[in-house]
C-alpha atoms as a PDB file:
ATOM      1  CA  MET A   1      40.568 -10.153  86.182  1.00  0.00           C
ATOM      2  CA  THR A   2      39.776  -8.129  83.081  1.00  0.00           C
ATOM      3  CA  LYS A   3      42.473  -7.965  80.449  1.00  0.00           C
ATOM      4  CA  LEU A   4      43.723  -4.400  80.086  1.00  0.00           C
ATOM      5  CA  LYS A   5      44.233  -2.887  76.656  1.00  0.00           C
ATOM      6  CA  ARG A   6      45.329   0.421  75.204  1.00  0.00           C
ATOM      7  CA  SER A   7      41.800   1.290  74.104  1.00  0.00           C
ATOM      8  CA  ASP A   8      40.894   1.496  77.807  1.00  0.00           C
ATOM      9  CA  ILE A   9      42.791   4.793  77.865  1.00  0.00           C
ATOM     10  CA  PRO A  10      40.847   7.231  75.676  1.00  0.00           C
ATOM     11  CA  THR A  11      42.400   9.704  73.272  1.00  0.00           C
ATOM     12  CA  VAL A  12      41.190  12.648  75.340  1.00  0.00           C
ATOM     13  CA  GLN A  13      43.065  11.410  78.416  1.00  0.00           C
ATOM     14  CA  VAL A  14      46.365  11.092  76.555  1.00  0.00           C
ATOM     15  CA  LEU A  15      45.990  14.473  74.841  1.00  0.00           C
ATOM     16  CA  LYS A  16      45.028  16.264  78.047  1.00  0.00           C
ATOM     17  CA  ALA A  17      47.981  14.744  79.908  1.00  0.00           C
ATOM     18  CA  CYS A  18      50.417  15.804  77.164  1.00  0.00           C
ATOM     19  CA  ASP A  19      48.922  19.302  77.069  1.00  0.00           C
ATOM     20  CA  ILE A  20      49.068  19.702  80.852  1.00  0.00           C
ATOM     21  CA  ALA A  21      52.657  18.429  81.044  1.00  0.00           C
ATOM     22  CA  HIS A  22      53.733  20.792  78.259  1.00  0.00           C
ATOM     23  CA  ARG A  23      52.086  23.782  79.968  1.00  0.00           C
ATOM     24  CA  ILE A  24      53.786  22.954  83.273  1.00  0.00           C
ATOM     25  CA  ASN A  25      57.154  22.592  81.550  1.00  0.00           C
ATOM     26  CA  GLU A  26      56.754  26.001  79.903  1.00  0.00           C
ATOM     27  CA  VAL A  27      56.689  27.715  83.319  1.00  0.00           C
ATOM     28  CA  THR A  28      59.115  25.406  85.143  1.00  0.00           C
ATOM     29  CA  ALA A  29      62.140  23.462  83.998  1.00  0.00           C
ATOM     30  CA  PRO A  30      61.829  21.361  80.830  1.00  0.00           C
ATOM     31  CA  GLY A  31      61.127  17.772  81.769  1.00  0.00           C
ATOM     32  CA  PHE A  32      59.649  18.711  85.153  1.00  0.00           C
ATOM     33  CA  ALA A  33      56.241  17.286  84.227  1.00  0.00           C
ATOM     34  CA  CYS A  34      55.749  14.047  82.351  1.00  0.00           C
ATOM     35  CA  ALA A  35      52.574  13.020  80.502  1.00  0.00           C
ATOM     36  CA  PHE A  36      53.223   9.374  81.326  1.00  0.00           C
ATOM     37  CA  LYS A  37      53.283  10.124  85.070  1.00  0.00           C
ATOM     38  CA  ILE A  38      50.069  12.131  84.823  1.00  0.00           C
ATOM     39  CA  ILE A  39      48.246   9.255  83.129  1.00  0.00           C
ATOM     40  CA  SER A  40      49.771   6.724  85.506  1.00  0.00           C
ATOM     41  CA  ALA A  41      48.621   8.662  88.566  1.00  0.00           C
ATOM     42  CA  LYS A  42      45.073   8.890  87.214  1.00  0.00           C
ATOM     43  CA  THR A  43      44.627   5.355  85.896  1.00  0.00           C
ATOM     44  CA  GLN A  44      47.000   3.007  87.735  1.00  0.00           C
ATOM     45  CA  TYR A  45      47.429   1.158  84.417  1.00  0.00           C
ATOM     46  CA  PRO A  46      50.687  -0.684  83.751  1.00  0.00           C
ATOM     47  CA  LYS A  47      53.457   1.183  81.956  1.00  0.00           C
ATOM     48  CA  LYS A  48      53.077  -1.026  78.885  1.00  0.00           C
ATOM     49  CA  ILE A  49      49.395  -0.084  78.429  1.00  0.00           C
ATOM     50  CA  ILE A  50      49.978   3.644  78.945  1.00  0.00           C
ATOM     51  CA  LEU A  51      52.862   3.731  76.482  1.00  0.00           C
ATOM     52  CA  ALA A  52      50.789   1.777  73.950  1.00  0.00           C
ATOM     53  CA  ALA A  53      48.008   4.377  74.226  1.00  0.00           C
ATOM     54  CA  MET A  54      50.574   7.157  73.813  1.00  0.00           C
ATOM     55  CA  GLN A  55      52.084   5.345  70.803  1.00  0.00           C
ATOM     56  CA  ARG A  56      48.572   5.177  69.264  1.00  0.00           C
ATOM     57  CA  GLU A  57      48.269   8.967  69.527  1.00  0.00           C
ATOM     58  CA  TYR A  58      51.793   9.444  68.170  1.00  0.00           C
ATOM     59  CA  ASP A  59      50.958   7.236  65.180  1.00  0.00           C
ATOM     60  CA  GLN A  60      47.912   9.439  64.506  1.00  0.00           C
ATOM     61  CA  GLY A  61      50.030  12.602  64.687  1.00  0.00           C
ATOM     62  CA  ASN A  62      48.327  13.926  67.829  1.00  0.00           C
ATOM     63  CA  ILE A  63      51.476  13.946  69.962  1.00  0.00           C
ATOM     64  CA  ASP A  64      55.203  14.097  69.304  1.00  0.00           C
ATOM     65  CA  TYR A  65      58.296  13.458  71.360  1.00  0.00           C
ATOM     66  CA  GLY A  66      62.046  13.843  71.351  1.00  0.00           C
ATOM     67  CA  VAL A  67      63.968  11.397  73.513  1.00  0.00           C
ATOM     68  CA  SER A  68      61.155   9.484  75.200  1.00  0.00           C
ATOM     69  CA  LEU A  69      57.504   8.871  74.413  1.00  0.00           C
ATOM     70  CA  ALA A  70      56.805   9.276  78.144  1.00  0.00           C
ATOM     71  CA  THR A  71      57.605  12.998  77.843  1.00  0.00           C
ATOM     72  CA  ALA A  72      55.528  13.620  74.710  1.00  0.00           C
ATOM     73  CA  TRP A  73      53.850  16.928  73.938  1.00  0.00           C
ATOM     74  CA  ILE A  74      50.658  17.693  72.076  1.00  0.00           C
ATOM     75  CA  THR A  75      50.934  18.725  68.410  1.00  0.00           C
ATOM     76  CA  PRO A  76      48.772  21.322  66.629  1.00  0.00           C
ATOM     77  CA  LYS A  77      46.776  18.414  65.164  1.00  0.00           C
ATOM     78  CA  GLY A  78      46.355  17.009  68.684  1.00  0.00           C
ATOM     79  CA  LYS A  79      45.196  20.388  70.007  1.00  0.00           C
ATOM     80  CA  GLN A  80      42.594  20.515  67.256  1.00  0.00           C
ATOM     81  CA  LYS A  81      41.456  16.961  68.083  1.00  0.00           C
ATOM     82  CA  LEU A  82      41.232  17.835  71.777  1.00  0.00           C
ATOM     83  CA  GLN A  83      39.103  20.884  70.975  1.00  0.00           C
ATOM     84  CA  GLU A  84      36.819  18.763  68.769  1.00  0.00           C
ATOM     85  CA  ILE A  85      36.359  16.274  71.616  1.00  0.00           C
ATOM     86  CA  LYS A  86      35.577  19.095  74.065  1.00  0.00           C
ATOM     87  CA  ASN A  87      33.037  20.558  71.625  1.00  0.00           C
ATOM     88  CA  GLU A  88      31.378  17.158  71.198  1.00  0.00           C
ATOM     89  CA  LEU A  89      31.046  16.857  74.970  1.00  0.00           C
ATOM     90  CA  VAL A  90      29.566  20.348  75.313  1.00  0.00           C
ATOM     91  CA  TYR A  91      27.046  19.849  72.515  1.00  0.00           C
ATOM     92  CA  SER A  92      26.061  16.386  73.684  1.00  0.00           C
ATOM     93  CA  LYS A  93      25.078  17.837  77.092  1.00  0.00           C
ATOM     94  CA  THR A  94      22.720  20.419  75.587  1.00  0.00           C
END
């Protein structure tokens, strides 16, 4: 069995999950969507690995949180990083 590590979950996946959860929470009740649950549903990685990847993005200033890292939201810096990643993907395909 391959040892799982936080680098297995890319920055773009964490940022997209936080952005999606925040957008859902803006139109529903706060706390309705959770970035951690979005990543967990997509990856099936253990909680420890997902939270480590989210902590990595928090340490870089790409996400922020209040009570729990699991319910983090994307910061302006994170939105900029996400856009840069999207642009890289678009330009690499052309």
